[in-house]
PDB file of all heavy atoms in Angstrom:
ATOM      1  N   GLN A   1     -11.462  57.806  42.104  1.00  0.00           N
ATOM      2  CA  GLN A   1     -10.070  58.249  41.988  1.00  0.00           C
ATOM      3  C   GLN A   1      -9.210  57.147  41.389  1.00  0.00           C
ATOM      4  O   GLN A   1      -8.372  57.393  40.528  1.00  0.00           O
ATOM      5  CB  GLN A   1      -9.530  58.645  43.362  1.00  0.00           C
ATOM      6  CG  GLN A   1      -8.080  59.145  43.306  1.00  0.00           C
ATOM      7  CD  GLN A   1      -7.565  59.544  44.673  1.00  0.00           C
ATOM      8  OE1 GLN A   1      -8.292  59.548  45.642  1.00  0.00           O
ATOM      9  NE2 GLN A   1      -6.296  59.873  44.740  1.00  0.00           N
ATOM     10  N   THR A   2      -9.461  55.896  41.849  1.00  0.00           N
ATOM     11  CA  THR A   2      -8.692  54.781  41.303  1.00  0.00           C
ATOM     12  C   THR A   2      -8.981  54.589  39.831  1.00  0.00           C
ATOM     13  O   THR A   2      -8.097  54.291  39.033  1.00  0.00           O
ATOM     14  CB  THR A   2      -9.017  53.490  42.081  1.00  0.00           C
ATOM     15  OG1 THR A   2      -8.706  53.702  43.458  1.00  0.00           O
ATOM     16  CG2 THR A   2      -8.222  52.329  41.547  1.00  0.00           C
ATOM     17  N   GLU A   3     -10.266  54.771  39.468  1.00  0.00           N
ATOM     18  CA  GLU A   3     -10.630  54.656  38.058  1.00  0.00           C
ATOM     19  C   GLU A   3      -9.837  55.650  37.215  1.00  0.00           C
ATOM     20  O   GLU A   3      -9.401  55.367  36.105  1.00  0.00           O
ATOM     21  CB  GLU A   3     -12.138  54.915  37.875  1.00  0.00           C
ATOM     22  CG  GLU A   3     -13.010  53.799  38.432  1.00  0.00           C
ATOM     23  CD  GLU A   3     -13.049  52.585  37.528  1.00  0.00           C
ATOM     24  OE1 GLU A   3     -12.346  52.565  36.504  1.00  0.00           O
ATOM     25  OE2 GLU A   3     -13.785  51.648  37.854  1.00  0.00           O
ATOM     26  N   GLN A   4      -9.656  56.856  37.771  1.00  0.00           N
ATOM     27  CA  GLN A   4      -8.909  57.878  37.037  1.00  0.00           C
ATOM     28  C   GLN A   4      -7.429  57.508  36.965  1.00  0.00           C
ATOM     29  O   GLN A   4      -6.763  57.731  35.962  1.00  0.00           O
ATOM     30  CB  GLN A   4      -9.082  59.233  37.724  1.00  0.00           C
ATOM     31  CG  GLN A   4     -10.503  59.787  37.577  1.00  0.00           C
ATOM     32  CD  GLN A   4     -10.706  61.048  38.401  1.00  0.00           C
ATOM     33  OE1 GLN A   4      -9.808  61.497  39.084  1.00  0.00           O
ATOM     34  NE2 GLN A   4     -11.885  61.606  38.322  1.00  0.00           N
ATOM     35  N   GLU A   5      -6.929  56.944  38.097  1.00  0.00           N
ATOM     36  CA  GLU A   5      -5.518  56.564  38.109  1.00  0.00           C
ATOM     37  C   GLU A   5      -5.261  55.476  37.057  1.00  0.00           C
ATOM     38  O   GLU A   5      -4.239  55.474  36.391  1.00  0.00           O
ATOM     39  CB  GLU A   5      -5.137  56.062  39.500  1.00  0.00           C
ATOM     40  CG  GLU A   5      -5.086  57.181  40.548  1.00  0.00           C
ATOM     41  CD  GLU A   5      -4.898  56.635  41.949  1.00  0.00           C
ATOM     42  OE1 GLU A   5      -4.899  55.397  42.101  1.00  0.00           O
ATOM     43  OE2 GLU A   5      -4.759  57.437  42.883  1.00  0.00           O
ATOM     44  N   ILE A   6      -6.189  54.507  36.912  1.00  0.00           N
ATOM     45  CA  ILE A   6      -6.072  53.471  35.884  1.00  0.00           C
ATOM     46  C   ILE A   6      -6.784  54.001  34.643  1.00  0.00           C
ATOM     47  O   ILE A   6      -7.941  53.675  34.379  1.00  0.00           O
ATOM     48  CB  ILE A   6      -6.688  52.143  36.363  1.00  0.00           C
ATOM     49  CG1 ILE A   6      -6.048  51.704  37.678  1.00  0.00           C
ATOM     50  CG2 ILE A   6      -6.497  51.056  35.306  1.00  0.00           C
ATOM     51  CD1 ILE A   6      -6.637  50.437  38.257  1.00  0.00           C
ATOM     52  N   LYS A   7      -6.084  54.832  33.892  1.00  0.00           N
ATOM     53  CA  LYS A   7      -6.697  55.496  32.739  1.00  0.00           C
ATOM     54  C   LYS A   7      -7.017  54.500  31.628  1.00  0.00           C
ATOM     55  O   LYS A   7      -8.051  54.581  30.966  1.00  0.00           O
ATOM     56  CB  LYS A   7      -5.743  56.581  32.228  1.00  0.00           C
ATOM     57  CG  LYS A   7      -6.321  57.442  31.122  1.00  0.00           C
ATOM     58  CD  LYS A   7      -5.335  58.535  30.734  1.00  0.00           C
ATOM     59  CE  LYS A   7      -5.891  59.402  29.614  1.00  0.00           C
ATOM     60  NZ  LYS A   7      -4.935  60.454  29.209  1.00  0.00           N
ATOM     61  N   PHE A   8      -6.097  53.543  31.401  1.00  0.00           N
ATOM     62  CA  PHE A   8      -6.305  52.518  30.377  1.00  0.00           C
ATOM     63  C   PHE A   8      -6.376  51.160  31.063  1.00  0.00           C
ATOM     64  O   PHE A   8      -5.425  50.755  31.739  1.00  0.00           O
ATOM     65  CB  PHE A   8      -5.183  52.565  29.342  1.00  0.00           C
ATOM     66  CG  PHE A   8      -5.106  53.885  28.615  1.00  0.00           C
ATOM     67  CD1 PHE A   8      -4.108  54.805  28.907  1.00  0.00           C
ATOM     68  CD2 PHE A   8      -6.055  54.217  27.654  1.00  0.00           C
ATOM     69  CE1 PHE A   8      -4.049  56.023  28.249  1.00  0.00           C
ATOM     70  CE2 PHE A   8      -5.991  55.434  26.992  1.00  0.00           C
ATOM     71  CZ  PHE A   8      -4.997  56.347  27.289  1.00  0.00           C
ATOM     72  N   GLY A   9      -7.490  50.461  30.883  1.00  0.00           N
ATOM     73  CA  GLY A   9      -7.806  49.319  31.732  1.00  0.00           C
ATOM     74  C   GLY A   9      -7.262  47.969  31.320  1.00  0.00           C
ATOM     75  O   GLY A   9      -7.276  47.052  32.130  1.00  0.00           O
ATOM     76  N   TYR A  10      -6.810  47.818  30.070  1.00  0.00           N
ATOM     77  CA  TYR A  10      -6.394  46.482  29.621  1.00  0.00           C
ATOM     78  C   TYR A  10      -4.903  46.458  29.295  1.00  0.00           C
ATOM     79  O   TYR A  10      -4.419  47.211  28.443  1.00  0.00           O
ATOM     80  CB  TYR A  10      -7.187  46.056  28.389  1.00  0.00           C
ATOM     81  CG  TYR A  10      -8.664  45.877  28.677  1.00  0.00           C
ATOM     82  CD1 TYR A  10      -9.551  46.907  28.445  1.00  0.00           C
ATOM     83  CD2 TYR A  10      -9.141  44.676  29.192  1.00  0.00           C
ATOM     84  CE1 TYR A  10     -10.903  46.764  28.725  1.00  0.00           C
ATOM     85  CE2 TYR A  10     -10.486  44.508  29.460  1.00  0.00           C
ATOM     86  CZ  TYR A  10     -11.368  45.564  29.238  1.00  0.00           C
ATOM     87  OH  TYR A  10     -12.703  45.411  29.518  1.00  0.00           O
ATOM     88  N   CYS A  11      -4.203  45.565  30.000  1.00  0.00           N
ATOM     89  CA  CYS A  11      -2.792  45.320  29.686  1.00  0.00           C
ATOM     90  C   CYS A  11      -2.758  44.320  28.541  1.00  0.00           C
ATOM     91  O   CYS A  11      -3.168  43.165  28.692  1.00  0.00           O
ATOM     92  CB  CYS A  11      -2.074  44.779  30.919  1.00  0.00           C
ATOM     93  SG  CYS A  11      -0.359  44.336  30.601  1.00  0.00           S
ATOM     94  N   THR A  12      -2.279  44.765  27.380  1.00  0.00           N
ATOM     95  CA  THR A  12      -2.358  43.955  26.154  1.00  0.00           C
ATOM     96  C   THR A  12      -0.948  43.617  25.657  1.00  0.00           C
ATOM     97  O   THR A  12      -0.119  44.523  25.479  1.00  0.00           O
ATOM     98  CB  THR A  12      -3.121  44.728  25.061  1.00  0.00           C
ATOM     99  OG1 THR A  12      -4.392  45.123  25.587  1.00  0.00           O
ATOM    100  CG2 THR A  12      -3.310  43.886  23.826  1.00  0.00           C
ATOM    101  N   GLU A  13      -0.694  42.334  25.478  1.00  0.00           N
ATOM    102  CA  GLU A  13       0.614  41.883  24.998  1.00  0.00           C
ATOM    103  C   GLU A  13       0.416  40.864  23.874  1.00  0.00           C
ATOM    104  O   GLU A  13      -0.511  40.052  23.929  1.00  0.00           O
ATOM    105  CB  GLU A  13       1.411  41.232  26.129  1.00  0.00           C
ATOM    106  CG  GLU A  13       1.846  42.167  27.242  1.00  0.00           C
ATOM    107  CD  GLU A  13       2.634  41.428  28.315  1.00  0.00           C
ATOM    108  OE1 GLU A  13       2.080  40.485  28.906  1.00  0.00           O
ATOM    109  OE2 GLU A  13       3.794  41.785  28.532  1.00  0.00           O
ATOM    110  N   PHE A  14       1.276  40.926  22.893  1.00  0.00           N
ATOM    111  CA  PHE A  14       1.267  39.907  21.827  1.00  0.00           C
ATOM    112  C   PHE A  14       2.569  39.996  21.029  1.00  0.00           C
ATOM    113  O   PHE A  14       3.344  40.953  21.183  1.00  0.00           O
ATOM    114  CB  PHE A  14       0.061  40.073  20.890  1.00  0.00           C
ATOM    115  CG  PHE A  14      -0.130  41.463  20.350  1.00  0.00           C
ATOM    116  CD1 PHE A  14       0.616  41.921  19.267  1.00  0.00           C
ATOM    117  CD2 PHE A  14      -1.080  42.304  20.920  1.00  0.00           C
ATOM    118  CE1 PHE A  14       0.430  43.189  18.773  1.00  0.00           C
ATOM    119  CE2 PHE A  14      -1.263  43.583  20.417  1.00  0.00           C
ATOM    120  CZ  PHE A  14      -0.521  44.029  19.339  1.00  0.00           C
ATOM    121  N   ILE A  15       2.769  38.975  20.203  1.00  0.00           N
ATOM    122  CA  ILE A  15       3.929  38.950  19.301  1.00  0.00           C
ATOM    123  C   ILE A  15       3.412  38.941  17.864  1.00  0.00           C
ATOM    124  O   ILE A  15       2.484  38.188  17.537  1.00  0.00           O
ATOM    125  CB  ILE A  15       4.805  37.707  19.547  1.00  0.00           C
ATOM    126  CG1 ILE A  15       5.484  37.828  20.928  1.00  0.00           C
ATOM    127  CG2 ILE A  15       5.856  37.536  18.453  1.00  0.00           C
ATOM    128  CD1 ILE A  15       6.261  36.582  21.323  1.00  0.00           C
ATOM    129  N   ILE A  16       3.993  39.809  17.039  1.00  0.00           N
ATOM    130  CA  ILE A  16       3.650  39.820  15.604  1.00  0.00           C
ATOM    131  C   ILE A  16       4.711  39.009  14.863  1.00  0.00           C
ATOM    132  O   ILE A  16       5.914  39.328  14.949  1.00  0.00           O
ATOM    133  CB  ILE A  16       3.622  41.249  15.033  1.00  0.00           C
ATOM    134  CG1 ILE A  16       2.734  42.173  15.885  1.00  0.00           C
ATOM    135  CG2 ILE A  16       3.143  41.238  13.587  1.00  0.00           C
ATOM    136  CD1 ILE A  16       2.810  43.637  15.452  1.00  0.00           C
ATOM    137  N   VAL A  17       4.262  37.971  14.179  1.00  0.00           N
ATOM    138  CA  VAL A  17       5.167  37.231  13.283  1.00  0.00           C
ATOM    139  C   VAL A  17       5.095  37.963  11.943  1.00  0.00           C
ATOM    140  O   VAL A  17       4.105  37.878  11.225  1.00  0.00           O
ATOM    141  CB  VAL A  17       4.744  35.763  13.142  1.00  0.00           C
ATOM    142  CG1 VAL A  17       5.707  35.041  12.215  1.00  0.00           C
ATOM    143  CG2 VAL A  17       4.686  35.089  14.510  1.00  0.00           C
ATOM    144  N   LEU A  18       6.135  38.723  11.664  1.00  0.00           N
ATOM    145  CA  LEU A  18       6.093  39.680  10.555  1.00  0.00           C
ATOM    146  C   LEU A  18       6.066  39.004   9.175  1.00  0.00           C
ATOM    147  O   LEU A  18       6.779  38.021   8.934  1.00  0.00           O
ATOM    148  CB  LEU A  18       7.301  40.610  10.624  1.00  0.00           C
ATOM    149  CG  LEU A  18       7.377  41.485  11.879  1.00  0.00           C
ATOM    150  CD1 LEU A  18       8.728  42.190  11.933  1.00  0.00           C
ATOM    151  CD2 LEU A  18       6.245  42.507  11.906  1.00  0.00           C
ATOM    152  N   ASN A  19       5.247  39.587   8.301  1.00  0.00           N
ATOM    153  CA  ASN A  19       5.290  39.173   6.890  1.00  0.00           C
ATOM    154  C   ASN A  19       6.558  39.685   6.240  1.00  0.00           C
ATOM    155  O   ASN A  19       7.192  38.994   5.445  1.00  0.00           O
ATOM    156  CB  ASN A  19       4.073  39.702   6.133  1.00  0.00           C
ATOM    157  CG  ASN A  19       2.782  39.088   6.647  1.00  0.00           C
ATOM    158  OD1 ASN A  19       2.781  37.944   7.094  1.00  0.00           O
ATOM    159  ND2 ASN A  19       1.693  39.832   6.569  1.00  0.00           N
ATOM    160  N   ASN A  20       6.927  40.913   6.605  1.00  0.00           N
ATOM    161  CA  ASN A  20       8.135  41.562   6.112  1.00  0.00           C
ATOM    162  C   ASN A  20       8.731  42.381   7.253  1.00  0.00           C
ATOM    163  O   ASN A  20       7.997  42.874   8.123  1.00  0.00           O
ATOM    164  CB  ASN A  20       7.825  42.497   4.940  1.00  0.00           C
ATOM    165  CG  ASN A  20       7.241  41.766   3.751  1.00  0.00           C
ATOM    166  OD1 ASN A  20       7.930  40.944   3.128  1.00  0.00           O
ATOM    167  ND2 ASN A  20       5.989  42.043   3.438  1.00  0.00           N
ATOM    168  N   PRO A  21      10.027  42.559   7.266  1.00  0.00           N
ATOM    169  CA  PRO A  21      10.623  43.391   8.307  1.00  0.00           C
ATOM    170  C   PRO A  21      10.008  44.796   8.292  1.00  0.00           C
ATOM    171  O   PRO A  21       9.704  45.344   7.229  1.00  0.00           O
ATOM    172  CB  PRO A  21      12.107  43.416   7.927  1.00  0.00           C
ATOM    173  CG  PRO A  21      12.320  42.196   7.103  1.00  0.00           C
ATOM    174  CD  PRO A  21      11.041  42.002   6.346  1.00  0.00           C
ATOM    175  N   LEU A  22       9.827  45.364   9.521  1.00  0.00           N
ATOM    176  CA  LEU A  22       9.276  46.720   9.604  1.00  0.00           C
ATOM    177  C   LEU A  22      10.351  47.732   9.270  1.00  0.00           C
ATOM    178  O   LEU A  22      11.489  47.643   9.763  1.00  0.00           O
ATOM    179  CB  LEU A  22       8.765  46.998  11.020  1.00  0.00           C
ATOM    180  CG  LEU A  22       7.507  46.251  11.491  1.00  0.00           C
ATOM    181  CD1 LEU A  22       7.173  46.662  12.926  1.00  0.00           C
ATOM    182  CD2 LEU A  22       6.329  46.540  10.582  1.00  0.00           C
ATOM    183  N   SER A  23      10.006  48.690   8.443  1.00  0.00           N
ATOM    184  CA  SER A  23      10.932  49.801   8.200  1.00  0.00           C
ATOM    185  C   SER A  23      10.911  50.720   9.425  1.00  0.00           C
ATOM    186  O   SER A  23      10.014  50.645  10.277  1.00  0.00           O
ATOM    187  CB  SER A  23      10.514  50.576   6.952  1.00  0.00           C
ATOM    188  OG  SER A  23       9.288  51.258   7.189  1.00  0.00           O
ATOM    189  N   GLU A  24      11.893  51.588   9.504  1.00  0.00           N
ATOM    190  CA  GLU A  24      11.966  52.522  10.625  1.00  0.00           C
ATOM    191  C   GLU A  24      10.700  53.378  10.688  1.00  0.00           C
ATOM    192  O   GLU A  24      10.156  53.643  11.768  1.00  0.00           O
ATOM    193  CB  GLU A  24      13.205  53.405  10.474  1.00  0.00           C
ATOM    194  CG  GLU A  24      13.454  54.312  11.666  1.00  0.00           C
ATOM    195  CD  GLU A  24      14.767  55.084  11.529  1.00  0.00           C
ATOM    196  OE1 GLU A  24      15.683  54.592  10.845  1.00  0.00           O
ATOM    197  OE2 GLU A  24      14.842  56.177  12.100  1.00  0.00           O
ATOM    198  N   GLN A  25      10.214  53.811   9.519  1.00  0.00           N
ATOM    199  CA  GLN A  25       9.024  54.658   9.474  1.00  0.00           C
ATOM    200  C   GLN A  25       7.780  53.885   9.893  1.00  0.00           C
ATOM    201  O   GLN A  25       6.923  54.399  10.630  1.00  0.00           O
ATOM    202  CB  GLN A  25       8.818  55.215   8.060  1.00  0.00           C
ATOM    203  CG  GLN A  25       7.703  56.258   7.961  1.00  0.00           C
ATOM    204  CD  GLN A  25       7.967  57.464   8.846  1.00  0.00           C
ATOM    205  OE1 GLN A  25       9.068  58.026   8.822  1.00  0.00           O
ATOM    206  NE2 GLN A  25       6.964  57.845   9.649  1.00  0.00           N
ATOM    207  N   GLU A  26       7.682  52.607   9.450  1.00  0.00           N
ATOM    208  CA  GLU A  26       6.528  51.783   9.839  1.00  0.00           C
ATOM    209  C   GLU A  26       6.506  51.550  11.350  1.00  0.00           C
ATOM    210  O   GLU A  26       5.436  51.578  11.983  1.00  0.00           O
ATOM    211  CB  GLU A  26       6.588  50.439   9.098  1.00  0.00           C
ATOM    212  CG  GLU A  26       6.184  50.511   7.645  1.00  0.00           C
ATOM    213  CD  GLU A  26       6.333  49.178   6.944  1.00  0.00           C
ATOM    214  OE1 GLU A  26       7.329  48.471   7.234  1.00  0.00           O
ATOM    215  OE2 GLU A  26       5.465  48.859   6.102  1.00  0.00           O
TER     216      GLU A  26
END
């Protein structure tokens, strides 16, 4: 049941140093 409750197992965080600003669509 706990396995089902934790549907996605990895908490992933990072920062992207952008080459170019992201457009709204991107």
